[in-house]
Amino acid sequence: MSDCLFCKIIAGEIPSNKVYEDAVCYAFYDIDPQAPTHFLVVPKTHIASVSQVTEENSQDVGHIFAVIARLAKELGLESYRVVSNIGEQAGQSVPHLHFHVLSGRDMTWPPG
């Protein structure tokens, strides 16, 4: 999608602090971190949000979770939270599926 912020980051049109990249996904540090470690993992295929996950694209989401687990281990994260906001009221500001990975501080519950 040509006007999508995350699609532009994936394409290299907007700079990012890359954590990881493969054929399916791209991971980069959040520009407004909410924890000492805070990065995003996004599919390279434009999917608007979790509400748009289908049988056809669910393999990409499964792959992303495997990447999150691997990155957490590589970064030495013993405890972390994975968050995906769906829709504006839930706090989704970029309409491209993304998973926040946060670690390095106590996480409150309930969130928000």
PDB file of N, CA and C in Angstrom:
ATOM      1  N   MET A   1       0.868  -1.176   0.000  1.00  0.00           N
ATOM      2  CA  MET A   1       0.000   0.000   0.000  1.00  0.00           C
ATOM      3  C   MET A   1       0.904   1.224   0.000  1.00  0.00           C
ATOM      4  N   SER A   2       0.751   2.096  -0.981  1.00  0.00           N
ATOM      5  CA  SER A   2       1.697   3.187  -1.210  1.00  0.00           C
ATOM      6  C   SER A   2       1.703   4.267  -0.131  1.00  0.00           C
ATOM      7  N   ASP A   3       0.615   4.465   0.595  1.00  0.00           N
ATOM      8  CA  ASP A   3       0.587   5.527   1.604  1.00  0.00           C
ATOM      9  C   ASP A   3       0.745   4.992   3.028  1.00  0.00           C
ATOM     10  N   CYS A   4       1.097   3.734   3.184  1.00  0.00           N
ATOM     11  CA  CYS A   4       1.233   3.109   4.501  1.00  0.00           C
ATOM     12  C   CYS A   4       2.632   3.365   5.066  1.00  0.00           C
ATOM     13  N   LEU A   5       2.682   3.909   6.271  1.00  0.00           N
ATOM     14  CA  LEU A   5       3.951   4.200   6.937  1.00  0.00           C
ATOM     15  C   LEU A   5       4.828   2.956   7.040  1.00  0.00           C
ATOM     16  N   PHE A   6       4.268   1.841   7.493  1.00  0.00           N
ATOM     17  CA  PHE A   6       5.081   0.645   7.673  1.00  0.00           C
ATOM     18  C   PHE A   6       5.508   0.044   6.336  1.00  0.00           C
ATOM     19  N   CYS A   7       4.686   0.137   5.317  1.00  0.00           N
ATOM     20  CA  CYS A   7       5.097  -0.326   3.989  1.00  0.00           C
ATOM     21  C   CYS A   7       6.285   0.501   3.496  1.00  0.00           C
ATOM     22  N   LYS A   8       6.278   1.802   3.781  1.00  0.00           N
ATOM     23  CA  LYS A   8       7.400   2.664   3.387  1.00  0.00           C
ATOM     24  C   LYS A   8       8.662   2.324   4.181  1.00  0.00           C
ATOM     25  N   ILE A   9       8.522   1.989   5.456  1.00  0.00           N
ATOM     26  CA  ILE A   9       9.677   1.571   6.263  1.00  0.00           C
ATOM     27  C   ILE A   9      10.240   0.264   5.710  1.00  0.00           C
ATOM     28  N   ILE A  10       9.388  -0.694   5.417  1.00  0.00           N
ATOM     29  CA  ILE A  10       9.817  -1.982   4.860  1.00  0.00           C
ATOM     30  C   ILE A  10      10.549  -1.772   3.542  1.00  0.00           C
ATOM     31  N   ALA A  11      10.059  -0.851   2.711  1.00  0.00           N
ATOM     32  CA  ALA A  11      10.660  -0.575   1.403  1.00  0.00           C
ATOM     33  C   ALA A  11      11.950   0.236   1.500  1.00  0.00           C
ATOM     34  N   GLY A  12      12.274   0.732   2.693  1.00  0.00           N
ATOM     35  CA  GLY A  12      13.474   1.537   2.860  1.00  0.00           C
ATOM     36  C   GLY A  12      13.297   3.002   2.509  1.00  0.00           C
ATOM     37  N   GLU A  13      12.056   3.413   2.273  1.00  0.00           N
ATOM     38  CA  GLU A  13      11.773   4.810   1.937  1.00  0.00           C
ATOM     39  C   GLU A  13      11.828   5.710   3.169  1.00  0.00           C
ATOM     40  N   ILE A  14      11.603   5.123   4.336  1.00  0.00           N
ATOM     41  CA  ILE A  14      11.683   5.834   5.610  1.00  0.00           C
ATOM     42  C   ILE A  14      12.685   5.053   6.462  1.00  0.00           C
ATOM     43  N   PRO A  15      13.679   5.738   7.040  1.00  0.00           N
ATOM     44  CA  PRO A  15      14.680   5.012   7.826  1.00  0.00           C
ATOM     45  C   PRO A  15      14.110   4.422   9.108  1.00  0.00           C
ATOM     46  N   SER A  16      14.717   3.329   9.540  1.00  0.00           N
ATOM     47  CA  SER A  16      14.334   2.677  10.790  1.00  0.00           C
ATOM     48  C   SER A  16      15.575   2.037  11.393  1.00  0.00           C
ATOM     49  N   ASN A  17      15.472   1.715  12.658  1.00  0.00           N
ATOM     50  CA  ASN A  17      16.541   1.009  13.361  1.00  0.00           C
ATOM     51  C   ASN A  17      16.180  -0.473  13.339  1.00  0.00           C
ATOM     52  N   LYS A  18      16.639  -1.159  12.308  1.00  0.00           N
ATOM     53  CA  LYS A  18      16.238  -2.544  12.053  1.00  0.00           C
ATOM     54  C   LYS A  18      16.799  -3.500  13.103  1.00  0.00           C
ATOM     55  N   VAL A  19      15.933  -4.411  13.536  1.00  0.00           N
ATOM     56  CA  VAL A  19      16.303  -5.488  14.447  1.00  0.00           C
ATOM     57  C   VAL A  19      16.492  -6.779  13.653  1.00  0.00           C
ATOM     58  N   TYR A  20      15.626  -6.983  12.646  1.00  0.00           N
ATOM     59  CA  TYR A  20      15.596  -8.262  11.936  1.00  0.00           C
ATOM     60  C   TYR A  20      14.812  -8.080  10.639  1.00  0.00           C
ATOM     61  N   GLU A  21      15.182  -8.888   9.632  1.00  0.00           N
ATOM     62  CA  GLU A  21      14.418  -8.904   8.384  1.00  0.00           C
ATOM     63  C   GLU A  21      14.594 -10.261   7.723  1.00  0.00           C
ATOM     64  N   ASP A  22      13.497 -10.762   7.158  1.00  0.00           N
ATOM     65  CA  ASP A  22      13.543 -11.943   6.304  1.00  0.00           C
ATOM     66  C   ASP A  22      12.511 -11.745   5.197  1.00  0.00           C
ATOM     67  N   ALA A  23      12.219 -12.785   4.446  1.00  0.00           N
ATOM     68  CA  ALA A  23      11.293 -12.658   3.315  1.00  0.00           C
ATOM     69  C   ALA A  23       9.859 -12.361   3.742  1.00  0.00           C
ATOM     70  N   VAL A  24       9.501 -12.686   4.994  1.00  0.00           N
ATOM     71  CA  VAL A  24       8.118 -12.570   5.461  1.00  0.00           C
ATOM     72  C   VAL A  24       7.883 -11.335   6.321  1.00  0.00           C
ATOM     73  N   CYS A  25       8.864 -10.963   7.152  1.00  0.00           N
ATOM     74  CA  CYS A  25       8.616  -9.893   8.119  1.00  0.00           C
ATOM     75  C   CYS A  25       9.824  -8.979   8.302  1.00  0.00           C
ATOM     76  N   TYR A  26       9.547  -7.876   8.970  1.00  0.00           N
ATOM     77  CA  TYR A  26      10.560  -6.856   9.247  1.00  0.00           C
ATOM     78  C   TYR A  26      10.354  -6.418  10.697  1.00  0.00           C
ATOM     79  N   ALA A  27      11.447  -6.313  11.451  1.00  0.00           N
ATOM     80  CA  ALA A  27      11.365  -5.880  12.850  1.00  0.00           C
ATOM     81  C   ALA A  27      12.254  -4.663  13.037  1.00  0.00           C
ATOM     82  N   PHE A  28      11.741  -3.681  13.798  1.00  0.00           N
ATOM     83  CA  PHE A  28      12.501  -2.453  14.019  1.00  0.00           C
ATOM     84  C   PHE A  28      12.111  -1.849  15.359  1.00  0.00           C
ATOM     85  N   TYR A  29      13.042  -1.064  15.934  1.00  0.00           N
ATOM     86  CA  TYR A  29      12.778  -0.434  17.225  1.00  0.00           C
ATOM     87  C   TYR A  29      11.752   0.681  17.082  1.00  0.00           C
ATOM     88  N   ASP A  30      10.864   0.777  18.055  1.00  0.00           N
ATOM     89  CA  ASP A  30       9.827   1.807  18.090  1.00  0.00           C
ATOM     90  C   ASP A  30      10.470   3.174  18.284  1.00  0.00           C
ATOM     91  N   ILE A  31       9.977   4.193  17.569  1.00  0.00           N
ATOM     92  CA  ILE A  31      10.553   5.541  17.698  1.00  0.00           C
ATOM     93  C   ILE A  31      10.104   6.246  18.975  1.00  0.00           C
ATOM     94  N   ASP A  32       9.072   5.710  19.634  1.00  0.00           N
ATOM     95  CA  ASP A  32       8.597   6.258  20.899  1.00  0.00           C
ATOM     96  C   ASP A  32       8.476   5.105  21.900  1.00  0.00           C
ATOM     97  N   PRO A  33       9.612   4.561  22.343  1.00  0.00           N
ATOM     98  CA  PRO A  33       9.568   3.353  23.157  1.00  0.00           C
ATOM     99  C   PRO A  33       8.828   3.542  24.478  1.00  0.00           C
ATOM    100  N   GLN A  34       8.043   2.524  24.827  1.00  0.00           N
ATOM    101  CA  GLN A  34       7.268   2.523  26.054  1.00  0.00           C
ATOM    102  C   GLN A  34       7.873   1.585  27.101  1.00  0.00           C
ATOM    103  N   ALA A  35       9.041   1.049  26.799  1.00  0.00           N
ATOM    104  CA  ALA A  35       9.776   0.177  27.706  1.00  0.00           C
ATOM    105  C   ALA A  35      11.243   0.233  27.286  1.00  0.00           C
ATOM    106  N   PRO A  36      12.166  -0.178  28.155  1.00  0.00           N
ATOM    107  CA  PRO A  36      13.578  -0.170  27.773  1.00  0.00           C
ATOM    108  C   PRO A  36      13.863  -0.929  26.474  1.00  0.00           C
ATOM    109  N   THR A  37      13.173  -2.040  26.258  1.00  0.00           N
ATOM    110  CA  THR A  37      13.221  -2.716  24.960  1.00  0.00           C
ATOM    111  C   THR A  37      11.825  -2.636  24.372  1.00  0.00           C
ATOM    112  N   HIS A  38      11.723  -2.070  23.167  1.00  0.00           N
ATOM    113  CA  HIS A  38      10.423  -1.932  22.506  1.00  0.00           C
ATOM    114  C   HIS A  38      10.662  -1.940  21.008  1.00  0.00           C
ATOM    115  N   PHE A  39      10.302  -3.044  20.383  1.00  0.00           N
ATOM    116  CA  PHE A  39      10.405  -3.111  18.928  1.00  0.00           C
ATOM    117  C   PHE A  39       9.104  -3.639  18.348  1.00  0.00           C
ATOM    118  N   LEU A  40       8.936  -3.418  17.062  1.00  0.00           N
ATOM    119  CA  LEU A  40       7.749  -3.854  16.327  1.00  0.00           C
ATOM    120  C   LEU A  40       8.142  -4.933  15.338  1.00  0.00           C
ATOM    121  N   VAL A  41       7.265  -5.870  15.115  1.00  0.00           N
ATOM    122  CA  VAL A  41       7.447  -6.864  14.067  1.00  0.00           C
ATOM    123  C   VAL A  41       6.221  -6.784  13.172  1.00  0.00           C
ATOM    124  N   VAL A  42       6.479  -6.583  11.868  1.00  0.00           N
ATOM    125  CA  VAL A  42       5.391  -6.379  10.907  1.00  0.00           C
ATOM    126  C   VAL A  42       5.551  -7.339   9.736  1.00  0.00           C
ATOM    127  N   PRO A  43       4.438  -7.803   9.179  1.00  0.00           N
ATOM    128  CA  PRO A  43       4.546  -8.614   7.963  1.00  0.00           C
ATOM    129  C   PRO A  43       4.888  -7.713   6.784  1.00  0.00           C
ATOM    130  N   LYS A  44       5.641  -8.248   5.841  1.00  0.00           N
ATOM    131  CA  LYS A  44       5.950  -7.467   4.638  1.00  0.00           C
ATOM    132  C   LYS A  44       4.717  -7.320   3.745  1.00  0.00           C
ATOM    133  N   THR A  45       3.824  -8.282   3.812  1.00  0.00           N
ATOM    134  CA  THR A  45       2.554  -8.182   3.094  1.00  0.00           C
ATOM    135  C   THR A  45       1.650  -7.246   3.886  1.00  0.00           C
ATOM    136  N   HIS A  46       1.013  -6.311   3.196  1.00  0.00           N
ATOM    137  CA  HIS A  46       0.137  -5.374   3.901  1.00  0.00           C
ATOM    138  C   HIS A  46      -1.132  -6.092   4.357  1.00  0.00           C
ATOM    139  N   ILE A  47      -1.284  -6.163   5.662  1.00  0.00           N
ATOM    140  CA  ILE A  47      -2.492  -6.671   6.316  1.00  0.00           C
ATOM    141  C   ILE A  47      -2.883  -5.556   7.279  1.00  0.00           C
ATOM    142  N   ALA A  48      -4.118  -5.108   7.262  1.00  0.00           N
ATOM    143  CA  ALA A  48      -4.511  -3.928   8.036  1.00  0.00           C
ATOM    144  C   ALA A  48      -4.408  -4.132   9.549  1.00  0.00           C
ATOM    145  N   SER A  49      -4.819  -5.281  10.051  1.00  0.00           N
ATOM    146  CA  SER A  49      -4.783  -5.542  11.496  1.00  0.00           C
ATOM    147  C   SER A  49      -5.088  -7.011  11.726  1.00  0.00           C
ATOM    148  N   VAL A  50      -5.115  -7.413  12.991  1.00  0.00           N
ATOM    149  CA  VAL A  50      -5.465  -8.787  13.338  1.00  0.00           C
ATOM    150  C   VAL A  50      -6.839  -9.148  12.769  1.00  0.00           C
ATOM    151  N   SER A  51      -7.719  -8.169  12.680  1.00  0.00           N
ATOM    152  CA  SER A  51      -9.065  -8.444  12.156  1.00  0.00           C
ATOM    153  C   SER A  51      -9.049  -8.862  10.685  1.00  0.00           C
ATOM    154  N   GLN A  52      -7.928  -8.682  10.017  1.00  0.00           N
ATOM    155  CA  GLN A  52      -7.804  -9.057   8.603  1.00  0.00           C
ATOM    156  C   GLN A  52      -6.997 -10.343   8.404  1.00  0.00           C
ATOM    157  N   VAL A  53      -6.659 -11.030   9.493  1.00  0.00           N
ATOM    158  CA  VAL A  53      -5.944 -12.299   9.376  1.00  0.00           C
ATOM    159  C   VAL A  53      -6.916 -13.359   8.872  1.00  0.00           C
ATOM    160  N   THR A  54      -6.484 -14.109   7.869  1.00  0.00           N
ATOM    161  CA  THR A  54      -7.307 -15.152   7.250  1.00  0.00           C
ATOM    162  C   THR A  54      -6.526 -16.467   7.239  1.00  0.00           C
ATOM    163  N   GLU A  55      -7.184 -17.528   6.836  1.00  0.00           N
ATOM    164  CA  GLU A  55      -6.488 -18.811   6.656  1.00  0.00           C
ATOM    165  C   GLU A  55      -5.336 -18.651   5.675  1.00  0.00           C
ATOM    166  N   GLU A  56      -5.523 -17.818   4.657  1.00  0.00           N
ATOM    167  CA  GLU A  56      -4.511 -17.645   3.618  1.00  0.00           C
ATOM    168  C   GLU A  56      -3.268 -16.918   4.113  1.00  0.00           C
ATOM    169  N   ASN A  57      -3.394 -15.974   5.046  1.00  0.00           N
ATOM    170  CA  ASN A  57      -2.215 -15.221   5.503  1.00  0.00           C
ATOM    171  C   ASN A  57      -1.787 -15.584   6.929  1.00  0.00           C
ATOM    172  N   SER A  58      -2.465 -16.544   7.535  1.00  0.00           N
ATOM    173  CA  SER A  58      -2.154 -16.879   8.925  1.00  0.00           C
ATOM    174  C   SER A  58      -0.776 -17.506   9.099  1.00  0.00           C
ATOM    175  N   GLN A  59      -0.229 -18.113   8.058  1.00  0.00           N
ATOM    176  CA  GLN A  59       1.127 -18.662   8.153  1.00  0.00           C
ATOM    177  C   GLN A  59       2.135 -17.548   8.426  1.00  0.00           C
ATOM    178  N   ASP A  60       1.921 -16.383   7.834  1.00  0.00           N
ATOM    179  CA  ASP A  60       2.819 -15.251   8.082  1.00  0.00           C
ATOM    180  C   ASP A  60       2.774 -14.836   9.550  1.00  0.00           C
ATOM    181  N   VAL A  61       1.591 -14.850  10.139  1.00  0.00           N
ATOM    182  CA  VAL A  61       1.446 -14.478  11.549  1.00  0.00           C
ATOM    183  C   VAL A  61       2.142 -15.519  12.436  1.00  0.00           C
ATOM    184  N   GLY A  62       1.981 -16.785  12.123  1.00  0.00           N
ATOM    185  CA  GLY A  62       2.683 -17.823  12.869  1.00  0.00           C
ATOM    186  C   GLY A  62       4.189 -17.657  12.770  1.00  0.00           C
ATOM    187  N   HIS A  63       4.675 -17.327  11.582  1.00  0.00           N
ATOM    188  CA  HIS A  63       6.100 -17.083  11.386  1.00  0.00           C
ATOM    189  C   HIS A  63       6.565 -15.896  12.230  1.00  0.00           C
ATOM    190  N   ILE A  64       5.759 -14.841  12.272  1.00  0.00           N
ATOM    191  CA  ILE A  64       6.113 -13.659  13.068  1.00  0.00           C
ATOM    192  C   ILE A  64       6.274 -14.035  14.542  1.00  0.00           C
ATOM    193  N   PHE A  65       5.390 -14.857  15.074  1.00  0.00           N
ATOM    194  CA  PHE A  65       5.512 -15.255  16.474  1.00  0.00           C
ATOM    195  C   PHE A  65       6.760 -16.107  16.706  1.00  0.00           C
ATOM    196  N   ALA A  66       7.143 -16.922  15.735  1.00  0.00           N
ATOM    197  CA  ALA A  66       8.396 -17.678  15.858  1.00  0.00           C
ATOM    198  C   ALA A  66       9.587 -16.716  15.850  1.00  0.00           C
ATOM    199  N   VAL A  67       9.527 -15.685  15.021  1.00  0.00           N
ATOM    200  CA  VAL A  67      10.589 -14.674  14.977  1.00  0.00           C
ATOM    201  C   VAL A  67      10.650 -13.917  16.301  1.00  0.00           C
ATOM    202  N   ILE A  68       9.495 -13.553  16.846  1.00  0.00           N
ATOM    203  CA  ILE A  68       9.471 -12.857  18.140  1.00  0.00           C
ATOM    204  C   ILE A  68      10.155 -13.709  19.200  1.00  0.00           C
ATOM    205  N   ALA A  69       9.839 -14.988  19.266  1.00  0.00           N
ATOM    206  CA  ALA A  69      10.448 -15.878  20.263  1.00  0.00           C
ATOM    207  C   ALA A  69      11.961 -15.950  20.067  1.00  0.00           C
ATOM    208  N   ARG A  70      12.390 -16.050  18.823  1.00  0.00           N
ATOM    209  CA  ARG A  70      13.830 -16.122  18.548  1.00  0.00           C
ATOM    210  C   ARG A  70      14.531 -14.827  18.915  1.00  0.00           C
ATOM    211  N   LEU A  71      13.950 -13.680  18.533  1.00  0.00           N
ATOM    212  CA  LEU A  71      14.559 -12.389  18.852  1.00  0.00           C
ATOM    213  C   LEU A  71      14.614 -12.165  20.365  1.00  0.00           C
ATOM    214  N   ALA A  72      13.557 -12.535  21.066  1.00  0.00           N
ATOM    215  CA  ALA A  72      13.536 -12.383  22.521  1.00  0.00           C
ATOM    216  C   ALA A  72      14.681 -13.182  23.146  1.00  0.00           C
ATOM    217  N   LYS A  73      14.885 -14.378  22.659  1.00  0.00           N
ATOM    218  CA  LYS A  73      15.974 -15.206  23.179  1.00  0.00           C
ATOM    219  C   LYS A  73      17.324 -14.574  22.851  1.00  0.00           C
ATOM    220  N   GLU A  74      17.504 -14.147  21.596  1.00  0.00           N
ATOM    221  CA  GLU A  74      18.766 -13.534  21.178  1.00  0.00           C
ATOM    222  C   GLU A  74      19.067 -12.256  21.956  1.00  0.00           C
ATOM    223  N   LEU A  75      18.033 -11.501  22.293  1.00  0.00           N
ATOM    224  CA  LEU A  75      18.208 -10.250  23.030  1.00  0.00           C
ATOM    225  C   LEU A  75      18.256 -10.455  24.542  1.00  0.00           C
ATOM    226  N   GLY A  76      18.099 -11.690  24.971  1.00  0.00           N
ATOM    227  CA  GLY A  76      18.166 -12.003  26.391  1.00  0.00           C
ATOM    228  C   GLY A  76      16.952 -11.550  27.186  1.00  0.00           C
ATOM    229  N   LEU A  77      15.802 -11.486  26.529  1.00  0.00           N
ATOM    230  CA  LEU A  77      14.585 -11.063  27.213  1.00  0.00           C
ATOM    231  C   LEU A  77      13.978 -12.259  27.947  1.00  0.00           C
ATOM    232  N   GLU A  78      14.003 -12.223  29.264  1.00  0.00           N
ATOM    233  CA  GLU A  78      13.436 -13.320  30.050  1.00  0.00           C
ATOM    234  C   GLU A  78      11.928 -13.188  30.174  1.00  0.00           C
ATOM    235  N   SER A  79      11.443 -11.959  30.125  1.00  0.00           N
ATOM    236  CA  SER A  79      10.024 -11.686  30.277  1.00  0.00           C
ATOM    237  C   SER A  79       9.679 -10.550  29.324  1.00  0.00           C
ATOM    238  N   TYR A  80       8.579 -10.701  28.609  1.00  0.00           N
ATOM    239  CA  TYR A  80       8.201  -9.658  27.655  1.00  0.00           C
ATOM    240  C   TYR A  80       6.711  -9.736  27.369  1.00  0.00           C
ATOM    241  N   ARG A  81       6.198  -8.653  26.802  1.00  0.00           N
ATOM    242  CA  ARG A  81       4.786  -8.587  26.420  1.00  0.00           C
ATOM    243  C   ARG A  81       4.712  -8.366  24.918  1.00  0.00           C
ATOM    244  N   VAL A  82       3.767  -9.046  24.272  1.00  0.00           N
ATOM    245  CA  VAL A  82       3.486  -8.858  22.848  1.00  0.00           C
ATOM    246  C   VAL A  82       2.094  -8.269  22.748  1.00  0.00           C
ATOM    247  N   VAL A  83       1.965  -7.141  22.036  1.00  0.00           N
ATOM    248  CA  VAL A  83       0.691  -6.421  21.950  1.00  0.00           C
ATOM    249  C   VAL A  83       0.382  -6.105  20.489  1.00  0.00           C
ATOM    250  N   SER A  84      -0.862  -6.274  20.117  1.00  0.00           N
ATOM    251  CA  SER A  84      -1.342  -5.797  18.823  1.00  0.00           C
ATOM    252  C   SER A  84      -2.665  -5.081  19.054  1.00  0.00           C
ATOM    253  N   ASN A  85      -2.706  -3.819  18.700  1.00  0.00           N
ATOM    254  CA  ASN A  85      -3.926  -3.024  18.840  1.00  0.00           C
ATOM    255  C   ASN A  85      -4.732  -3.133  17.549  1.00  0.00           C
ATOM    256  N   ILE A  86      -6.036  -3.256  17.685  1.00  0.00           N
ATOM    257  CA  ILE A  86      -6.912  -3.398  16.525  1.00  0.00           C
ATOM    258  C   ILE A  86      -7.935  -2.281  16.550  1.00  0.00           C
ATOM    259  N   GLY A  87      -7.780  -1.320  15.656  1.00  0.00           N
ATOM    260  CA  GLY A  87      -8.705  -0.195  15.569  1.00  0.00           C
ATOM    261  C   GLY A  87      -8.259   1.004  16.391  1.00  0.00           C
ATOM    262  N   GLU A  88      -8.780   2.153  16.023  1.00  0.00           N
ATOM    263  CA  GLU A  88      -8.386   3.414  16.654  1.00  0.00           C
ATOM    264  C   GLU A  88      -8.679   3.450  18.150  1.00  0.00           C
ATOM    265  N   GLN A  89      -9.842   2.989  18.581  1.00  0.00           N
ATOM    266  CA  GLN A  89     -10.190   3.037  19.997  1.00  0.00           C
ATOM    267  C   GLN A  89      -9.220   2.202  20.840  1.00  0.00           C
ATOM    268  N   ALA A  90      -8.664   1.159  20.252  1.00  0.00           N
ATOM    269  CA  ALA A  90      -7.701   0.315  20.956  1.00  0.00           C
ATOM    270  C   ALA A  90      -6.288   0.871  20.881  1.00  0.00           C
ATOM    271  N   GLY A  91      -6.094   1.951  20.120  1.00  0.00           N
ATOM    272  CA  GLY A  91      -4.792   2.590  20.038  1.00  0.00           C
ATOM    273  C   GLY A  91      -3.994   2.280  18.792  1.00  0.00           C
ATOM    274  N   GLN A  92      -4.608   1.648  17.784  1.00  0.00           N
ATOM    275  CA  GLN A  92      -3.880   1.380  16.545  1.00  0.00           C
ATOM    276  C   GLN A  92      -3.764   2.666  15.749  1.00  0.00           C
ATOM    277  N   SER A  93      -2.536   3.157  15.580  1.00  0.00           N
ATOM    278  CA  SER A  93      -2.336   4.419  14.862  1.00  0.00           C
ATOM    279  C   SER A  93      -1.844   4.207  13.429  1.00  0.00           C
ATOM    280  N   VAL A  94      -1.341   3.022  13.121  1.00  0.00           N
ATOM    281  CA  VAL A  94      -0.911   2.701  11.755  1.00  0.00           C
ATOM    282  C   VAL A  94      -1.705   1.478  11.304  1.00  0.00           C
ATOM    283  N   PRO A  95      -2.481   1.611  10.242  1.00  0.00           N
ATOM    284  CA  PRO A  95      -3.319   0.491   9.797  1.00  0.00           C
ATOM    285  C   PRO A  95      -2.534  -0.556   9.003  1.00  0.00           C
ATOM    286  N   HIS A  96      -1.540  -1.124   9.646  1.00  0.00           N
ATOM    287  CA  HIS A  96      -0.742  -2.231   9.106  1.00  0.00           C
ATOM    288  C   HIS A  96      -0.483  -3.139  10.299  1.00  0.00           C
ATOM    289  N   LEU A  97      -0.815  -4.409  10.174  1.00  0.00           N
ATOM    290  CA  LEU A  97      -0.632  -5.360  11.268  1.00  0.00           C
ATOM    291  C   LEU A  97       0.768  -5.233  11.837  1.00  0.00           C
ATOM    292  N   HIS A  98       0.848  -5.082  13.154  1.00  0.00           N
ATOM    293  CA  HIS A  98       2.153  -5.035  13.819  1.00  0.00           C
ATOM    294  C   HIS A  98       2.020  -5.510  15.244  1.00  0.00           C
ATOM    295  N   PHE A  99       3.107  -6.088  15.706  1.00  0.00           N
ATOM    296  CA  PHE A  99       3.170  -6.607  17.062  1.00  0.00           C
ATOM    297  C   PHE A  99       4.255  -5.854  17.815  1.00  0.00           C
ATOM    298  N   HIS A 100       3.859  -5.199  18.905  1.00  0.00           N
ATOM    299  CA  HIS A 100       4.808  -4.531  19.785  1.00  0.00           C
ATOM    300  C   HIS A 100       5.410  -5.593  20.694  1.00  0.00           C
ATOM    301  N   VAL A 101       6.713  -5.582  20.858  1.00  0.00           N
ATOM    302  CA  VAL A 101       7.385  -6.446  21.817  1.00  0.00           C
ATOM    303  C   VAL A 101       8.030  -5.514  22.842  1.00  0.00           C
ATOM    304  N   LEU A 102       7.574  -5.611  24.091  1.00  0.00           N
ATOM    305  CA  LEU A 102       8.032  -4.725  25.163  1.00  0.00           C
ATOM    306  C   LEU A 102       8.648  -5.537  26.283  1.00  0.00           C
ATOM    307  N   SER A 103       9.775  -5.031  26.818  1.00  0.00           N
ATOM    308  CA  SER A 103      10.442  -5.724  27.911  1.00  0.00           C
ATOM    309  C   SER A 103      11.321  -4.746  28.674  1.00  0.00           C
ATOM    310  N   GLY A 104      11.735  -5.181  29.869  1.00  0.00           N
ATOM    311  CA  GLY A 104      12.690  -4.394  30.636  1.00  0.00           C
ATOM    312  C   GLY A 104      12.076  -3.563  31.751  1.00  0.00           C
ATOM    313  N   ARG A 105      10.777  -3.715  31.953  1.00  0.00           N
ATOM    314  CA  ARG A 105      10.107  -3.039  33.067  1.00  0.00           C
ATOM    315  C   ARG A 105       8.896  -3.862  33.468  1.00  0.00           C
ATOM    316  N   ASP A 106       8.369  -3.593  34.643  1.00  0.00           N
ATOM    317  CA  ASP A 106       7.130  -4.255  35.054  1.00  0.00           C
ATOM    318  C   ASP A 106       5.991  -3.789  34.158  1.00  0.00           C
ATOM    319  N   MET A 107       5.176  -4.722  33.748  1.00  0.00           N
ATOM    320  CA  MET A 107       4.008  -4.414  32.931  1.00  0.00           C
ATOM    321  C   MET A 107       2.776  -4.469  33.839  1.00  0.00           C
ATOM    322  N   THR A 108       1.966  -3.423  33.791  1.00  0.00           N
ATOM    323  CA  THR A 108       0.776  -3.401  34.633  1.00  0.00           C
ATOM    324  C   THR A 108      -0.349  -4.210  34.004  1.00  0.00           C
ATOM    325  N   TRP A 109      -1.278  -4.604  34.848  1.00  0.00           N
ATOM    326  CA  TRP A 109      -2.472  -5.304  34.359  1.00  0.00           C
ATOM    327  C   TRP A 109      -3.661  -4.821  35.141  1.00  0.00           C
ATOM    328  N   PRO A 110      -4.745  -4.451  34.573  1.00  0.00           N
ATOM    329  CA  PRO A 110      -4.949  -4.517  33.125  1.00  0.00           C
ATOM    330  C   PRO A 110      -4.192  -3.390  32.414  1.00  0.00           C
ATOM    331  N   PRO A 111      -3.849  -3.613  31.139  1.00  0.00           N
ATOM    332  CA  PRO A 111      -3.160  -2.582  30.379  1.00  0.00           C
ATOM    333  C   PRO A 111      -4.107  -1.412  30.089  1.00  0.00           C
ATOM    334  N   GLY A 112      -3.542  -0.282  29.776  1.00  0.00           N
ATOM    335  CA  GLY A 112      -4.322   0.886  29.413  1.00  0.00           C
ATOM    336  C   GLY A 112      -4.866   1.554  30.595  1.00  0.00           C
TER     337      GLY A 112
END
